[in-house]
Amino acid sequence: MIGIDNRVSDIRTMFKNITPDPNTGMLEIVNASFIADEPAIFGTVNEDWNKRELFWYLTQSRNVLDIPSPIPKVWLNVAAADGRINSNYGWCVFSTENGRQFSCAIATLKRDKHSRQAALIYNRPSMHTDATVNGMKDFMCTYAQQLLIRDDKLYLTVLQRSMDAIYGYKGDFSWANYLLDEALKELQPTYPQLTKGSIIWNAMSLHVYPMHHHLVV
């Protein structure tokens, strides 16, 4: 049993009924929990951008200058002076430098179908200082993800400190969906009856910036 009933459509409705915060102007849902059953909360998905971002993630490069052109301004704005970044999610879960976490999670589930230890840890205590090195402004948004097998379904739970509901969600959903598909491919030889379950989203702050209020429709 999944302990939440909200879907993306419910989150969309919540935002339409929120009064902007008087201090920040933002529309915000604190501790938003929902089943991510749509690839966008508002607007449409930019498939070209998602493909280029996935390509960059899979290179495991932590430099935004390696993103296939055109490099989005949002990445350039938060990167260090030399292009350095923290938030290459491919590096976080696939790299040997960061513990080969995806491989470890898959191995854990192959050993124990019901394990609660198939965790992918993105953030780290040193982020409080890593986020501002050499002019960087990149305090990683995702804390962790976790794979669970229940009733022959493979689930992915996402835990985040912060998420922009307009643009950030679209890219992060695409990444989460990719990981769930890859995990399913890795695990089906061991568990032939395994099917794809839900992506379960938890964001401590799910928000819309004032400049994007007009997109909340």
N, C-alpha and C. Protein backbone atom coordinates (compact mmCIF):
# COMPACT_ATOMS: atom_id res chain seq x y z
N MET A 1 0.84 -1.19 0.00
CA MET A 1 0.00 0.00 0.00
C MET A 1 0.88 1.25 0.00
N ILE A 2 0.57 2.20 -0.88
CA ILE A 2 1.27 3.49 -0.91
C ILE A 2 0.55 4.44 0.04
N GLY A 3 1.28 5.11 0.91
CA GLY A 3 0.69 5.89 1.98
C GLY A 3 0.21 7.27 1.60
N ILE A 4 0.10 7.57 0.31
CA ILE A 4 -0.43 8.87 -0.13
C ILE A 4 -1.39 8.65 -1.29
N ASP A 5 -2.33 9.56 -1.44
CA ASP A 5 -3.31 9.48 -2.53
C ASP A 5 -3.14 10.57 -3.57
N ASN A 6 -2.44 11.65 -3.23
CA ASN A 6 -2.30 12.77 -4.15
C ASN A 6 -1.61 12.37 -5.44
N ARG A 7 -2.10 12.92 -6.53
CA ARG A 7 -1.49 12.78 -7.84
C ARG A 7 -1.06 14.17 -8.32
N VAL A 8 -0.44 14.25 -9.48
CA VAL A 8 -0.03 15.55 -10.03
C VAL A 8 -1.23 16.47 -10.20
N SER A 9 -2.36 15.93 -10.61
CA SER A 9 -3.55 16.77 -10.78
C SER A 9 -3.97 17.42 -9.47
N ASP A 10 -3.78 16.73 -8.35
CA ASP A 10 -4.11 17.31 -7.05
C ASP A 10 -3.15 18.45 -6.70
N ILE A 11 -1.86 18.26 -7.00
CA ILE A 11 -0.87 19.32 -6.76
C ILE A 11 -1.20 20.54 -7.59
N ARG A 12 -1.62 20.31 -8.83
CA ARG A 12 -1.98 21.41 -9.73
C ARG A 12 -3.14 22.22 -9.12
N THR A 13 -4.12 21.53 -8.61
CA THR A 13 -5.27 22.19 -8.00
C THR A 13 -4.86 22.98 -6.75
N MET A 14 -3.98 22.39 -5.94
CA MET A 14 -3.50 23.08 -4.74
C MET A 14 -2.85 24.41 -5.09
N PHE A 15 -2.00 24.41 -6.11
CA PHE A 15 -1.32 25.64 -6.49
C PHE A 15 -2.30 26.72 -6.94
N LYS A 16 -3.36 26.33 -7.61
CA LYS A 16 -4.33 27.30 -8.10
C LYS A 16 -5.07 28.00 -6.95
N ASN A 17 -5.03 27.41 -5.77
CA ASN A 17 -5.75 27.96 -4.62
C ASN A 17 -4.84 28.57 -3.57
N ILE A 18 -3.55 28.74 -3.90
CA ILE A 18 -2.60 29.29 -2.93
C ILE A 18 -2.49 30.80 -3.10
N THR A 19 -2.42 31.49 -1.97
CA THR A 19 -2.14 32.93 -1.97
C THR A 19 -0.62 33.13 -1.92
N PRO A 20 -0.06 34.00 -2.74
CA PRO A 20 1.40 34.21 -2.73
C PRO A 20 1.90 34.61 -1.35
N ASP A 21 3.07 34.12 -1.00
CA ASP A 21 3.70 34.48 0.27
C ASP A 21 4.00 35.98 0.27
N PRO A 22 3.63 36.71 1.33
CA PRO A 22 3.82 38.17 1.33
C PRO A 22 5.28 38.60 1.36
N ASN A 23 6.18 37.71 1.79
CA ASN A 23 7.60 38.05 1.87
C ASN A 23 8.36 37.71 0.60
N THR A 24 8.07 36.55 0.02
CA THR A 24 8.83 36.09 -1.14
C THR A 24 8.06 36.20 -2.45
N GLY A 25 6.74 36.30 -2.35
CA GLY A 25 5.93 36.32 -3.56
C GLY A 25 5.71 34.95 -4.16
N MET A 26 6.29 33.92 -3.56
CA MET A 26 6.20 32.58 -4.13
C MET A 26 4.88 31.89 -3.77
N LEU A 27 4.45 31.02 -4.64
CA LEU A 27 3.43 30.03 -4.32
C LEU A 27 4.19 28.81 -3.83
N GLU A 28 3.82 28.28 -2.67
CA GLU A 28 4.62 27.20 -2.10
C GLU A 28 3.74 26.19 -1.38
N ILE A 29 4.05 24.91 -1.62
CA ILE A 29 3.48 23.81 -0.86
C ILE A 29 4.62 23.23 -0.03
N VAL A 30 4.48 23.26 1.28
CA VAL A 30 5.50 22.70 2.17
C VAL A 30 5.21 21.22 2.38
N ASN A 31 6.27 20.42 2.24
CA ASN A 31 6.17 18.97 2.39
C ASN A 31 5.14 18.37 1.44
N ALA A 32 5.33 18.65 0.16
CA ALA A 32 4.45 18.11 -0.88
C ALA A 32 4.78 16.64 -1.12
N SER A 33 3.77 15.79 -1.02
CA SER A 33 3.95 14.35 -1.25
C SER A 33 2.88 13.90 -2.24
N PHE A 34 3.32 13.26 -3.31
CA PHE A 34 2.37 12.85 -4.34
C PHE A 34 2.96 11.75 -5.21
N ILE A 35 2.09 11.04 -5.89
CA ILE A 35 2.51 10.06 -6.89
C ILE A 35 2.74 10.81 -8.19
N ALA A 36 3.96 10.74 -8.70
CA ALA A 36 4.35 11.49 -9.90
C ALA A 36 3.88 10.72 -11.14
N ASP A 37 2.62 10.91 -11.47
CA ASP A 37 2.02 10.17 -12.58
C ASP A 37 1.93 10.96 -13.87
N GLU A 38 2.52 12.19 -13.88
CA GLU A 38 2.60 12.99 -15.10
C GLU A 38 3.99 13.61 -15.17
N PRO A 39 4.51 13.80 -16.38
CA PRO A 39 5.88 14.33 -16.54
C PRO A 39 5.99 15.83 -16.35
N ALA A 40 4.87 16.54 -16.22
CA ALA A 40 4.89 17.99 -16.00
C ALA A 40 3.75 18.35 -15.06
N ILE A 41 4.01 19.28 -14.15
CA ILE A 41 2.93 19.82 -13.31
C ILE A 41 2.22 20.93 -14.07
N PHE A 42 2.98 21.83 -14.68
CA PHE A 42 2.44 22.89 -15.51
C PHE A 42 3.25 22.95 -16.81
N GLY A 43 2.57 23.28 -17.91
CA GLY A 43 3.27 23.42 -19.18
C GLY A 43 3.55 22.08 -19.84
N THR A 44 4.44 22.12 -20.81
CA THR A 44 4.80 20.92 -21.56
C THR A 44 6.29 20.62 -21.40
N VAL A 45 6.63 19.39 -21.66
CA VAL A 45 8.01 18.93 -21.49
C VAL A 45 8.85 19.31 -22.71
N ASN A 46 10.05 19.80 -22.45
CA ASN A 46 11.01 20.08 -23.52
C ASN A 46 11.87 18.82 -23.71
N GLU A 47 11.47 17.97 -24.64
CA GLU A 47 12.15 16.69 -24.82
C GLU A 47 13.60 16.87 -25.26
N ASP A 48 13.86 17.90 -26.05
CA ASP A 48 15.24 18.16 -26.48
C ASP A 48 16.13 18.44 -25.29
N TRP A 49 15.65 19.29 -24.37
CA TRP A 49 16.44 19.59 -23.19
C TRP A 49 16.65 18.34 -22.35
N ASN A 50 15.60 17.54 -22.15
CA ASN A 50 15.74 16.34 -21.33
C ASN A 50 16.78 15.38 -21.92
N LYS A 51 16.81 15.27 -23.24
CA LYS A 51 17.80 14.40 -23.88
C LYS A 51 19.21 14.92 -23.67
N ARG A 52 19.39 16.24 -23.80
CA ARG A 52 20.72 16.81 -23.62
C ARG A 52 21.18 16.72 -22.16
N GLU A 53 20.23 16.94 -21.24
CA GLU A 53 20.58 16.83 -19.82
C GLU A 53 20.92 15.39 -19.46
N LEU A 54 20.17 14.42 -19.98
CA LEU A 54 20.48 13.01 -19.72
C LEU A 54 21.85 12.65 -20.27
N PHE A 55 22.15 13.13 -21.49
CA PHE A 55 23.48 12.88 -22.06
C PHE A 55 24.57 13.38 -21.13
N TRP A 56 24.38 14.60 -20.62
CA TRP A 56 25.36 15.19 -19.70
C TRP A 56 25.46 14.39 -18.41
N TYR A 57 24.33 14.02 -17.84
CA TYR A 57 24.35 13.20 -16.63
C TYR A 57 25.15 11.92 -16.84
N LEU A 58 24.94 11.29 -17.97
CA LEU A 58 25.60 10.01 -18.20
C LEU A 58 27.10 10.15 -18.46
N THR A 59 27.56 11.35 -18.83
CA THR A 59 29.00 11.58 -18.93
C THR A 59 29.64 11.67 -17.54
N GLN A 60 28.81 11.94 -16.52
CA GLN A 60 29.26 12.12 -15.14
C GLN A 60 30.16 13.35 -14.96
N SER A 61 30.15 14.24 -15.93
CA SER A 61 30.94 15.46 -15.83
C SER A 61 30.28 16.43 -14.87
N ARG A 62 31.08 17.01 -13.99
CA ARG A 62 30.55 18.02 -13.07
C ARG A 62 30.94 19.43 -13.55
N ASN A 63 30.85 19.62 -14.86
CA ASN A 63 31.11 20.93 -15.44
C ASN A 63 30.03 21.23 -16.46
N VAL A 64 29.35 22.36 -16.29
CA VAL A 64 28.23 22.68 -17.17
C VAL A 64 28.68 22.99 -18.59
N LEU A 65 29.96 23.26 -18.78
CA LEU A 65 30.46 23.54 -20.14
C LEU A 65 30.44 22.29 -21.00
N ASP A 66 30.22 21.13 -20.38
CA ASP A 66 30.12 19.88 -21.12
C ASP A 66 28.69 19.53 -21.50
N ILE A 67 27.73 20.38 -21.12
CA ILE A 67 26.35 20.17 -21.56
C ILE A 67 26.26 20.51 -23.05
N PRO A 68 25.64 19.64 -23.86
CA PRO A 68 25.51 19.97 -25.29
C PRO A 68 24.81 21.31 -25.48
N SER A 69 25.37 22.11 -26.36
CA SER A 69 24.86 23.47 -26.61
C SER A 69 23.43 23.44 -27.17
N PRO A 70 22.63 24.45 -26.83
CA PRO A 70 22.92 25.61 -25.99
C PRO A 70 22.82 25.27 -24.50
N ILE A 71 23.77 25.77 -23.73
CA ILE A 71 23.79 25.50 -22.29
C ILE A 71 22.72 26.38 -21.63
N PRO A 72 21.80 25.79 -20.88
CA PRO A 72 20.74 26.59 -20.24
C PRO A 72 21.31 27.62 -19.28
N LYS A 73 20.71 28.80 -19.27
CA LYS A 73 21.19 29.87 -18.39
C LYS A 73 21.11 29.49 -16.92
N VAL A 74 20.11 28.66 -16.57
CA VAL A 74 19.96 28.29 -15.16
C VAL A 74 21.20 27.57 -14.65
N TRP A 75 21.84 26.74 -15.50
CA TRP A 75 23.06 26.05 -15.09
C TRP A 75 24.23 27.01 -15.04
N LEU A 76 24.33 27.88 -16.02
CA LEU A 76 25.43 28.85 -16.03
C LEU A 76 25.35 29.79 -14.83
N ASN A 77 24.14 30.12 -14.42
CA ASN A 77 23.96 31.06 -13.32
C ASN A 77 24.37 30.48 -11.97
N VAL A 78 24.29 29.17 -11.80
CA VAL A 78 24.61 28.58 -10.50
C VAL A 78 25.99 27.92 -10.47
N ALA A 79 26.65 27.81 -11.63
CA ALA A 79 27.95 27.16 -11.69
C ALA A 79 29.05 28.07 -11.15
N ALA A 80 30.17 27.45 -10.78
CA ALA A 80 31.35 28.21 -10.38
C ALA A 80 31.92 28.94 -11.60
N ALA A 81 32.89 29.80 -11.36
CA ALA A 81 33.48 30.60 -12.44
C ALA A 81 34.05 29.73 -13.56
N ASP A 82 34.53 28.55 -13.21
CA ASP A 82 35.11 27.65 -14.22
C ASP A 82 34.11 26.63 -14.76
N GLY A 83 32.81 26.78 -14.40
CA GLY A 83 31.78 25.87 -14.88
C GLY A 83 31.50 24.70 -13.97
N ARG A 84 32.21 24.60 -12.87
CA ARG A 84 32.06 23.49 -11.94
C ARG A 84 30.67 23.50 -11.30
N ILE A 85 30.12 22.31 -11.07
CA ILE A 85 28.79 22.15 -10.53
C ILE A 85 28.77 20.96 -9.58
N ASN A 86 27.81 20.93 -8.67
CA ASN A 86 27.62 19.74 -7.83
C ASN A 86 26.60 18.78 -8.41
N SER A 87 25.57 19.35 -9.06
CA SER A 87 24.35 18.59 -9.34
C SER A 87 24.34 17.82 -10.64
N ASN A 88 25.43 17.11 -10.96
CA ASN A 88 25.32 16.13 -12.04
C ASN A 88 24.83 14.83 -11.40
N TYR A 89 23.57 14.53 -11.59
CA TYR A 89 22.97 13.40 -10.90
C TYR A 89 23.52 12.05 -11.38
N GLY A 90 23.99 12.01 -12.61
CA GLY A 90 24.64 10.78 -13.09
C GLY A 90 25.90 10.48 -12.30
N TRP A 91 26.69 11.54 -12.04
CA TRP A 91 27.88 11.36 -11.21
C TRP A 91 27.48 10.87 -9.82
N CYS A 92 26.41 11.42 -9.28
CA CYS A 92 25.99 11.06 -7.92
C CYS A 92 25.72 9.57 -7.77
N VAL A 93 25.07 8.96 -8.76
CA VAL A 93 24.62 7.58 -8.57
C VAL A 93 25.43 6.53 -9.33
N PHE A 94 26.17 6.95 -10.37
CA PHE A 94 26.89 5.97 -11.17
C PHE A 94 28.40 5.95 -10.93
N SER A 95 28.97 7.06 -10.47
CA SER A 95 30.42 7.17 -10.44
C SER A 95 31.05 6.32 -9.34
N THR A 96 32.23 5.79 -9.65
CA THR A 96 33.03 5.09 -8.64
C THR A 96 33.43 6.05 -7.53
N GLU A 97 33.71 7.30 -7.90
CA GLU A 97 34.12 8.31 -6.93
C GLU A 97 33.06 8.51 -5.84
N ASN A 98 31.78 8.33 -6.21
CA ASN A 98 30.70 8.54 -5.24
C ASN A 98 30.04 7.22 -4.83
N GLY A 99 30.77 6.13 -4.96
CA GLY A 99 30.33 4.87 -4.37
C GLY A 99 29.53 3.92 -5.25
N ARG A 100 29.43 4.20 -6.57
CA ARG A 100 28.70 3.30 -7.47
C ARG A 100 27.33 2.93 -6.86
N GLN A 101 26.59 3.94 -6.46
CA GLN A 101 25.39 3.70 -5.66
C GLN A 101 24.29 2.95 -6.41
N PHE A 102 24.12 3.25 -7.70
CA PHE A 102 23.10 2.55 -8.46
C PHE A 102 23.41 1.05 -8.51
N SER A 103 24.66 0.71 -8.81
CA SER A 103 25.06 -0.71 -8.85
C SER A 103 24.87 -1.36 -7.50
N CYS A 104 25.21 -0.65 -6.44
CA CYS A 104 25.06 -1.20 -5.09
C CYS A 104 23.60 -1.43 -4.74
N ALA A 105 22.73 -0.49 -5.15
CA ALA A 105 21.30 -0.64 -4.87
C ALA A 105 20.72 -1.85 -5.61
N ILE A 106 21.12 -2.01 -6.87
CA ILE A 106 20.65 -3.16 -7.64
C ILE A 106 21.13 -4.46 -7.01
N ALA A 107 22.40 -4.51 -6.62
CA ALA A 107 22.95 -5.71 -5.97
C ALA A 107 22.20 -6.02 -4.67
N THR A 108 21.86 -4.98 -3.94
CA THR A 108 21.11 -5.17 -2.69
C THR A 108 19.77 -5.84 -2.95
N LEU A 109 19.05 -5.37 -3.96
CA LEU A 109 17.74 -5.94 -4.26
C LEU A 109 17.84 -7.33 -4.87
N LYS A 110 18.92 -7.62 -5.56
CA LYS A 110 19.11 -8.98 -6.07
C LYS A 110 19.35 -9.96 -4.93
N ARG A 111 20.01 -9.49 -3.89
CA ARG A 111 20.25 -10.36 -2.72
C ARG A 111 19.00 -10.51 -1.87
N ASP A 112 18.22 -9.46 -1.79
CA ASP A 112 17.06 -9.45 -0.90
C ASP A 112 15.95 -8.64 -1.56
N LYS A 113 14.99 -9.33 -2.11
CA LYS A 113 13.90 -8.69 -2.85
C LYS A 113 13.14 -7.67 -2.01
N HIS A 114 13.10 -7.87 -0.71
CA HIS A 114 12.29 -7.02 0.16
C HIS A 114 13.13 -6.00 0.93
N SER A 115 14.37 -5.80 0.49
CA SER A 115 15.28 -4.90 1.21
C SER A 115 14.75 -3.46 1.25
N ARG A 116 15.10 -2.79 2.34
CA ARG A 116 14.82 -1.36 2.49
C ARG A 116 16.12 -0.56 2.45
N GLN A 117 17.17 -1.15 1.87
CA GLN A 117 18.48 -0.51 1.86
C GLN A 117 18.97 -0.12 0.46
N ALA A 118 18.10 -0.18 -0.54
CA ALA A 118 18.50 0.17 -1.91
C ALA A 118 18.39 1.69 -2.11
N ALA A 119 19.24 2.40 -1.39
CA ALA A 119 19.18 3.86 -1.35
C ALA A 119 20.25 4.48 -2.24
N LEU A 120 19.90 5.59 -2.87
CA LEU A 120 20.82 6.39 -3.67
C LEU A 120 20.93 7.74 -2.97
N ILE A 121 22.08 8.04 -2.38
CA ILE A 121 22.24 9.24 -1.57
C ILE A 121 22.93 10.32 -2.40
N TYR A 122 22.24 11.42 -2.63
CA TYR A 122 22.75 12.49 -3.48
C TYR A 122 23.49 13.55 -2.67
N ASN A 123 22.86 14.03 -1.61
CA ASN A 123 23.44 15.14 -0.86
C ASN A 123 24.46 14.66 0.16
N ARG A 124 25.16 15.58 0.81
CA ARG A 124 26.23 15.24 1.73
C ARG A 124 26.42 16.39 2.71
N PRO A 125 26.95 16.11 3.91
CA PRO A 125 27.10 17.17 4.91
C PRO A 125 27.94 18.35 4.43
N SER A 126 28.94 18.08 3.58
CA SER A 126 29.82 19.16 3.14
C SER A 126 29.15 20.10 2.14
N MET A 127 27.88 19.80 1.76
CA MET A 127 27.19 20.67 0.81
C MET A 127 27.05 22.09 1.33
N HIS A 128 27.05 22.26 2.66
CA HIS A 128 26.92 23.60 3.23
C HIS A 128 28.08 24.52 2.79
N THR A 129 29.23 23.93 2.53
CA THR A 129 30.36 24.72 2.01
C THR A 129 30.61 24.44 0.53
N ASP A 130 30.37 23.21 0.08
CA ASP A 130 30.57 22.87 -1.33
C ASP A 130 29.71 23.73 -2.25
N ALA A 131 28.55 24.15 -1.74
CA ALA A 131 27.58 24.86 -2.58
C ALA A 131 28.06 26.23 -3.05
N THR A 132 29.08 26.79 -2.38
CA THR A 132 29.50 28.17 -2.70
C THR A 132 30.96 28.27 -3.12
N VAL A 133 31.61 27.15 -3.40
CA VAL A 133 33.01 27.17 -3.80
C VAL A 133 33.20 27.94 -5.11
N ASN A 134 34.14 28.89 -5.12
CA ASN A 134 34.51 29.62 -6.34
C ASN A 134 33.30 30.28 -7.00
N GLY A 135 32.42 30.84 -6.17
CA GLY A 135 31.27 31.56 -6.72
C GLY A 135 30.08 30.69 -7.09
N MET A 136 30.16 29.40 -6.80
CA MET A 136 29.06 28.50 -7.13
C MET A 136 27.83 28.83 -6.27
N LYS A 137 26.65 28.52 -6.80
CA LYS A 137 25.40 28.66 -6.05
C LYS A 137 24.56 27.40 -6.29
N ASP A 138 25.12 26.26 -5.89
CA ASP A 138 24.49 24.98 -6.23
C ASP A 138 24.43 24.07 -5.01
N PHE A 139 23.45 24.33 -4.13
CA PHE A 139 23.16 23.45 -3.00
C PHE A 139 22.19 22.40 -3.54
N MET A 140 22.67 21.17 -3.69
CA MET A 140 21.93 20.14 -4.40
C MET A 140 20.50 20.00 -3.88
N CYS A 141 19.55 19.91 -4.80
CA CYS A 141 18.13 19.88 -4.44
C CYS A 141 17.66 18.51 -3.95
N THR A 142 18.22 17.45 -4.47
CA THR A 142 17.77 16.11 -4.11
C THR A 142 18.59 15.56 -2.95
N TYR A 143 17.89 15.09 -1.92
CA TYR A 143 18.57 14.41 -0.81
C TYR A 143 18.91 12.98 -1.19
N ALA A 144 17.90 12.24 -1.67
CA ALA A 144 18.09 10.81 -1.90
C ALA A 144 16.93 10.26 -2.73
N GLN A 145 17.16 9.05 -3.23
CA GLN A 145 16.11 8.27 -3.85
C GLN A 145 16.21 6.85 -3.29
N GLN A 146 15.12 6.12 -3.35
CA GLN A 146 15.14 4.75 -2.85
C GLN A 146 14.29 3.85 -3.74
N LEU A 147 14.85 2.68 -4.06
CA LEU A 147 14.14 1.65 -4.81
C LEU A 147 13.54 0.64 -3.84
N LEU A 148 12.30 0.26 -4.09
CA LEU A 148 11.61 -0.74 -3.27
C LEU A 148 10.85 -1.69 -4.18
N ILE A 149 10.88 -2.97 -3.85
CA ILE A 149 10.04 -3.95 -4.54
C ILE A 149 8.95 -4.40 -3.57
N ARG A 150 7.71 -4.20 -3.98
CA ARG A 150 6.57 -4.65 -3.20
C ARG A 150 5.51 -5.21 -4.15
N ASP A 151 5.02 -6.40 -3.85
CA ASP A 151 3.99 -7.05 -4.67
C ASP A 151 4.40 -7.12 -6.14
N ASP A 152 5.68 -7.44 -6.36
CA ASP A 152 6.23 -7.59 -7.71
C ASP A 152 6.14 -6.30 -8.53
N LYS A 153 6.15 -5.16 -7.85
CA LYS A 153 6.26 -3.87 -8.52
C LYS A 153 7.49 -3.16 -7.98
N LEU A 154 8.21 -2.49 -8.89
CA LEU A 154 9.40 -1.73 -8.51
C LEU A 154 9.03 -0.26 -8.40
N TYR A 155 9.23 0.30 -7.20
CA TYR A 155 8.90 1.69 -6.92
C TYR A 155 10.17 2.51 -6.75
N LEU A 156 10.08 3.80 -7.08
CA LEU A 156 11.16 4.73 -6.80
C LEU A 156 10.59 5.90 -6.00
N THR A 157 11.17 6.16 -4.83
CA THR A 157 10.78 7.30 -4.01
C THR A 157 11.85 8.38 -4.14
N VAL A 158 11.43 9.62 -4.32
CA VAL A 158 12.31 10.77 -4.46
C VAL A 158 12.11 11.67 -3.24
N LEU A 159 13.22 12.08 -2.61
CA LEU A 159 13.17 12.98 -1.46
C LEU A 159 14.00 14.21 -1.78
N GLN A 160 13.39 15.40 -1.73
CA GLN A 160 14.07 16.63 -2.11
C GLN A 160 13.88 17.72 -1.06
N ARG A 161 14.88 18.60 -0.95
CA ARG A 161 14.75 19.76 -0.06
C ARG A 161 13.96 20.86 -0.74
N SER A 162 14.04 20.93 -2.09
CA SER A 162 13.47 22.07 -2.82
C SER A 162 13.21 21.66 -4.26
N MET A 163 12.10 22.14 -4.82
CA MET A 163 11.78 21.81 -6.21
C MET A 163 10.94 22.91 -6.84
N ASP A 164 11.42 23.43 -7.97
CA ASP A 164 10.68 24.39 -8.78
C ASP A 164 9.62 23.61 -9.57
N ALA A 165 8.35 23.91 -9.33
CA ALA A 165 7.27 23.14 -9.94
C ALA A 165 7.10 23.40 -11.43
N ILE A 166 7.66 24.48 -11.93
CA ILE A 166 7.47 24.81 -13.35
C ILE A 166 8.50 24.09 -14.23
N TYR A 167 9.78 24.35 -13.99
CA TYR A 167 10.82 23.77 -14.84
C TYR A 167 11.61 22.65 -14.16
N GLY A 168 11.92 22.79 -12.90
CA GLY A 168 12.74 21.80 -12.23
C GLY A 168 12.12 20.43 -12.20
N TYR A 169 10.82 20.36 -11.94
CA TYR A 169 10.15 19.06 -11.85
C TYR A 169 10.25 18.28 -13.16
N LYS A 170 10.11 18.97 -14.28
CA LYS A 170 10.11 18.28 -15.57
C LYS A 170 11.41 17.52 -15.81
N GLY A 171 12.55 18.19 -15.53
CA GLY A 171 13.83 17.54 -15.71
C GLY A 171 14.07 16.44 -14.70
N ASP A 172 13.70 16.69 -13.44
CA ASP A 172 13.95 15.70 -12.41
C ASP A 172 13.03 14.50 -12.55
N PHE A 173 11.80 14.71 -13.02
CA PHE A 173 10.93 13.57 -13.30
C PHE A 173 11.52 12.71 -14.40
N SER A 174 12.01 13.35 -15.46
CA SER A 174 12.60 12.60 -16.56
C SER A 174 13.77 11.74 -16.07
N TRP A 175 14.61 12.31 -15.20
CA TRP A 175 15.74 11.57 -14.64
C TRP A 175 15.26 10.41 -13.77
N ALA A 176 14.29 10.67 -12.91
CA ALA A 176 13.77 9.62 -12.03
C ALA A 176 13.14 8.49 -12.84
N ASN A 177 12.42 8.84 -13.88
CA ASN A 177 11.78 7.83 -14.73
C ASN A 177 12.83 7.00 -15.46
N TYR A 178 13.90 7.65 -15.93
CA TYR A 178 15.01 6.93 -16.56
C TYR A 178 15.62 5.92 -15.58
N LEU A 179 15.90 6.37 -14.34
CA LEU A 179 16.50 5.47 -13.36
C LEU A 179 15.60 4.28 -13.04
N LEU A 180 14.30 4.54 -12.91
CA LEU A 180 13.37 3.45 -12.63
C LEU A 180 13.35 2.44 -13.77
N ASP A 181 13.36 2.93 -15.00
CA ASP A 181 13.39 2.01 -16.16
C ASP A 181 14.69 1.21 -16.19
N GLU A 182 15.82 1.86 -15.91
CA GLU A 182 17.10 1.16 -15.91
C GLU A 182 17.15 0.11 -14.80
N ALA A 183 16.63 0.46 -13.64
CA ALA A 183 16.61 -0.49 -12.52
C ALA A 183 15.74 -1.69 -12.86
N LEU A 184 14.61 -1.44 -13.50
CA LEU A 184 13.72 -2.53 -13.89
C LEU A 184 14.42 -3.49 -14.85
N LYS A 185 15.14 -2.94 -15.83
CA LYS A 185 15.89 -3.79 -16.78
C LYS A 185 16.94 -4.63 -16.07
N GLU A 186 17.60 -4.05 -15.07
CA GLU A 186 18.63 -4.77 -14.33
C GLU A 186 18.05 -5.88 -13.47
N LEU A 187 16.85 -5.68 -12.97
CA LEU A 187 16.28 -6.61 -11.98
C LEU A 187 15.37 -7.68 -12.59
N GLN A 188 14.84 -7.45 -13.77
CA GLN A 188 13.91 -8.42 -14.34
C GLN A 188 14.53 -9.79 -14.62
N PRO A 189 15.82 -9.89 -15.00
CA PRO A 189 16.38 -11.24 -15.14
C PRO A 189 16.34 -12.04 -13.83
N THR A 190 16.45 -11.36 -12.71
CA THR A 190 16.37 -12.03 -11.40
C THR A 190 14.93 -12.26 -10.98
N TYR A 191 14.07 -11.29 -11.29
CA TYR A 191 12.66 -11.36 -10.91
C TYR A 191 11.79 -11.17 -12.16
N PRO A 192 11.55 -12.23 -12.94
CA PRO A 192 10.85 -12.11 -14.23
C PRO A 192 9.44 -11.52 -14.13
N GLN A 193 8.80 -11.64 -12.97
CA GLN A 193 7.44 -11.13 -12.82
C GLN A 193 7.39 -9.65 -12.45
N LEU A 194 8.56 -9.06 -12.27
CA LEU A 194 8.62 -7.68 -11.80
C LEU A 194 8.11 -6.70 -12.86
N THR A 195 7.27 -5.75 -12.44
CA THR A 195 6.76 -4.73 -13.33
C THR A 195 7.05 -3.34 -12.75
N LYS A 196 6.84 -2.33 -13.57
CA LYS A 196 7.13 -0.96 -13.17
C LYS A 196 6.04 -0.42 -12.26
N GLY A 197 6.46 0.07 -11.10
CA GLY A 197 5.52 0.71 -10.18
C GLY A 197 5.57 2.21 -10.31
N SER A 198 5.20 2.90 -9.27
CA SER A 198 5.07 4.36 -9.29
C SER A 198 6.35 5.06 -8.87
N ILE A 199 6.45 6.33 -9.27
CA ILE A 199 7.44 7.24 -8.71
C ILE A 199 6.72 8.06 -7.64
N ILE A 200 7.23 8.01 -6.43
CA ILE A 200 6.60 8.68 -5.31
C ILE A 200 7.46 9.88 -4.94
N TRP A 201 6.86 11.08 -4.99
CA TRP A 201 7.62 12.33 -4.87
C TRP A 201 7.39 12.99 -3.52
N ASN A 202 8.49 13.44 -2.90
CA ASN A 202 8.42 14.18 -1.64
C ASN A 202 9.34 15.38 -1.74
N ALA A 203 8.76 16.57 -1.69
CA ALA A 203 9.54 17.80 -1.76
C ALA A 203 9.23 18.66 -0.54
N MET A 204 10.27 19.01 0.21
CA MET A 204 10.05 19.83 1.40
C MET A 204 9.49 21.20 1.03
N SER A 205 9.93 21.74 -0.10
CA SER A 205 9.37 22.99 -0.64
C SER A 205 9.15 22.79 -2.13
N LEU A 206 7.89 22.73 -2.52
CA LEU A 206 7.52 22.69 -3.94
C LEU A 206 6.94 24.06 -4.25
N HIS A 207 7.55 24.78 -5.17
CA HIS A 207 7.21 26.20 -5.30
C HIS A 207 7.18 26.68 -6.75
N VAL A 208 6.51 27.83 -6.89
CA VAL A 208 6.44 28.54 -8.17
C VAL A 208 6.90 29.97 -7.91
N TYR A 209 7.90 30.42 -8.66
CA TYR A 209 8.43 31.78 -8.50
C TYR A 209 7.43 32.81 -9.03
N PRO A 210 7.49 34.05 -8.49
CA PRO A 210 6.54 35.09 -8.92
C PRO A 210 6.50 35.28 -10.43
N MET A 211 7.64 35.22 -11.10
CA MET A 211 7.67 35.45 -12.53
C MET A 211 6.96 34.37 -13.34
N HIS A 212 6.61 33.24 -12.65
CA HIS A 212 5.95 32.14 -13.36
C HIS A 212 4.50 31.94 -12.91
N HIS A 213 3.96 32.88 -12.13
CA HIS A 213 2.58 32.73 -11.66
C HIS A 213 1.60 32.57 -12.81
N HIS A 214 1.86 33.22 -13.93
CA HIS A 214 0.94 33.17 -15.06
C HIS A 214 0.86 31.79 -15.70
N LEU A 215 1.83 30.93 -15.37
CA LEU A 215 1.84 29.57 -15.92
C LEU A 215 1.00 28.61 -15.11
N VAL A 216 0.52 29.05 -13.94
CA VAL A 216 -0.28 28.20 -13.08
C VAL A 216 -1.72 28.24 -13.57
N VAL A 217 -2.01 27.37 -14.51
CA VAL A 217 -3.34 27.33 -15.14
C VAL A 217 -3.80 25.88 -15.27
